[in-house]
Amino acid sequence: QKCLFWGSVRDPSPAYAWLKCQEPDDEDCWEVLKTQGSIKGRNGGQYGASEKYVRLSLLMRPREFDILSEKLEAFMNPES
């Protein structure tokens, strides 16, 4: 379907990403990301999911998305 704003057909883009903490001790993924990675999201429990999940919004400016990507990379690879 043609996008009335852009005036062309555009591919869909996801609004949210779901992450799952898989470490046995990480019962509250939201708290882990907030305290250890300074990453803002929403606790999966707010959406009926396990608290091992966190929902990240992807609706942001490109620079904010780059910052989120950098924080996730640093969180996943703390030695780099």
C-alpha atoms as a PDB file:
ATOM      1  CA  GLN A   1       0.000   0.000   0.000  1.00  0.00           C
ATOM      2  CA  LYS A   2       1.238   3.478  -0.841  1.00  0.00           C
ATOM      3  CA  CYS A   3       2.395   5.594   2.099  1.00  0.00           C
ATOM      4  CA  LEU A   4       0.574   8.913   2.002  1.00  0.00           C
ATOM      5  CA  PHE A   5       3.339  10.650   3.970  1.00  0.00           C
ATOM      6  CA  TRP A   6       6.282   9.510   1.824  1.00  0.00           C
ATOM      7  CA  GLY A   7       4.287   9.270  -1.391  1.00  0.00           C
ATOM      8  CA  SER A   8       5.666   5.823  -2.217  1.00  0.00           C
ATOM      9  CA  VAL A   9       5.424   2.174  -1.272  1.00  0.00           C
ATOM     10  CA  ARG A  10       7.618   1.456   1.752  1.00  0.00           C
ATOM     11  CA  ASP A  11       8.627  -1.774   3.444  1.00  0.00           C
ATOM     12  CA  PRO A  12       7.253  -2.265   6.950  1.00  0.00           C
ATOM     13  CA  SER A  13       9.609  -1.635   9.838  1.00  0.00           C
ATOM     14  CA  PRO A  14       9.208  -3.151  13.288  1.00  0.00           C
ATOM     15  CA  ALA A  15       8.245  -0.825  16.116  1.00  0.00           C
ATOM     16  CA  TYR A  16       9.599  -3.026  18.905  1.00  0.00           C
ATOM     17  CA  ALA A  17      12.288  -5.597  19.582  1.00  0.00           C
ATOM     18  CA  TRP A  18      11.951  -8.265  22.241  1.00  0.00           C
ATOM     19  CA  LEU A  19      15.075  -9.426  24.078  1.00  0.00           C
ATOM     20  CA  LYS A  20      15.386 -12.411  26.368  1.00  0.00           C
ATOM     21  CA  CYS A  21      17.989 -12.682  29.120  1.00  0.00           C
ATOM     22  CA  GLN A  22      19.230 -16.260  29.122  1.00  0.00           C
ATOM     23  CA  GLU A  23      21.544 -16.289  32.131  1.00  0.00           C
ATOM     24  CA  PRO A  24      19.985 -18.412  34.909  1.00  0.00           C
ATOM     25  CA  ASP A  25      20.444 -15.604  37.469  1.00  0.00           C
ATOM     26  CA  ASP A  26      18.794 -12.959  35.249  1.00  0.00           C
ATOM     27  CA  GLU A  27      15.213 -13.276  36.466  1.00  0.00           C
ATOM     28  CA  ASP A  28      14.374  -9.624  35.688  1.00  0.00           C
ATOM     29  CA  CYS A  29      15.824  -8.767  32.283  1.00  0.00           C
ATOM     30  CA  TRP A  30      14.582  -5.174  32.467  1.00  0.00           C
ATOM     31  CA  GLU A  31      16.525  -4.583  35.689  1.00  0.00           C
ATOM     32  CA  VAL A  32      19.663  -6.213  34.252  1.00  0.00           C
ATOM     33  CA  LEU A  33      19.620  -4.031  31.127  1.00  0.00           C
ATOM     34  CA  LYS A  34      18.860  -0.899  33.140  1.00  0.00           C
ATOM     35  CA  THR A  35      21.557  -1.366  35.774  1.00  0.00           C
ATOM     36  CA  GLN A  36      24.320  -3.037  33.780  1.00  0.00           C
ATOM     37  CA  GLY A  37      23.806  -1.492  30.366  1.00  0.00           C
ATOM     38  CA  SER A  38      21.912   1.781  30.883  1.00  0.00           C
ATOM     39  CA  ILE A  39      19.411   0.461  28.340  1.00  0.00           C
ATOM     40  CA  LYS A  40      15.812   1.606  28.631  1.00  0.00           C
ATOM     41  CA  GLY A  41      12.999  -0.749  27.818  1.00  0.00           C
ATOM     42  CA  ARG A  42       9.810  -2.145  29.302  1.00  0.00           C
ATOM     43  CA  ASN A  43       9.517  -5.199  31.484  1.00  0.00           C
ATOM     44  CA  GLY A  44       7.979  -8.165  29.676  1.00  0.00           C
ATOM     45  CA  GLY A  45       5.652  -8.689  32.635  1.00  0.00           C
ATOM     46  CA  GLN A  46       3.779  -5.540  31.605  1.00  0.00           C
ATOM     47  CA  TYR A  47       2.706  -7.372  28.441  1.00  0.00           C
ATOM     48  CA  GLY A  48       1.901 -10.760  29.890  1.00  0.00           C
ATOM     49  CA  ALA A  49       5.327 -12.218  29.090  1.00  0.00           C
ATOM     50  CA  SER A  50       7.960 -13.529  31.469  1.00  0.00           C
ATOM     51  CA  GLU A  51      10.188 -11.010  33.229  1.00  0.00           C
ATOM     52  CA  LYS A  52      13.077 -12.697  31.425  1.00  0.00           C
ATOM     53  CA  TYR A  53      11.946 -10.598  28.431  1.00  0.00           C
ATOM     54  CA  VAL A  54      12.223  -6.881  27.817  1.00  0.00           C
ATOM     55  CA  ARG A  55      10.606  -4.870  25.027  1.00  0.00           C
ATOM     56  CA  LEU A  56      12.675  -2.175  23.356  1.00  0.00           C
ATOM     57  CA  SER A  57      11.072   0.560  21.297  1.00  0.00           C
ATOM     58  CA  LEU A  58      12.631   1.064  17.877  1.00  0.00           C
ATOM     59  CA  LEU A  59      10.595   4.179  17.072  1.00  0.00           C
ATOM     60  CA  MET A  60      13.329   6.768  17.445  1.00  0.00           C
ATOM     61  CA  ARG A  61      15.596   9.109  15.563  1.00  0.00           C
ATOM     62  CA  PRO A  62      18.518   7.520  13.698  1.00  0.00           C
ATOM     63  CA  ARG A  63      21.105   8.889  16.158  1.00  0.00           C
ATOM     64  CA  GLU A  64      19.157   7.511  19.128  1.00  0.00           C
ATOM     65  CA  PHE A  65      18.977   4.136  17.380  1.00  0.00           C
ATOM     66  CA  ASP A  66      22.757   4.240  16.873  1.00  0.00           C
ATOM     67  CA  ILE A  67      23.239   4.941  20.592  1.00  0.00           C
ATOM     68  CA  LEU A  68      20.951   2.024  21.489  1.00  0.00           C
ATOM     69  CA  SER A  69      22.918  -0.232  19.125  1.00  0.00           C
ATOM     70  CA  GLU A  70      26.211   0.876  20.696  1.00  0.00           C
ATOM     71  CA  LYS A  71      24.882   0.235  24.224  1.00  0.00           C
ATOM     72  CA  LEU A  72      23.635  -3.235  23.245  1.00  0.00           C
ATOM     73  CA  GLU A  73      26.988  -4.047  21.615  1.00  0.00           C
ATOM     74  CA  ALA A  74      28.875  -2.905  24.719  1.00  0.00           C
ATOM     75  CA  PHE A  75      26.520  -4.884  26.958  1.00  0.00           C
ATOM     76  CA  MET A  76      26.934  -8.071  24.922  1.00  0.00           C
ATOM     77  CA  ASN A  77      30.735  -7.679  24.505  1.00  0.00           C
ATOM     78  CA  PRO A  78      32.032  -5.983  27.672  1.00  0.00           C
ATOM     79  CA  GLU A  79      35.683  -6.779  26.835  1.00  0.00           C
ATOM     80  CA  SER A  80      35.658  -4.730  23.596  1.00  0.00           C
END
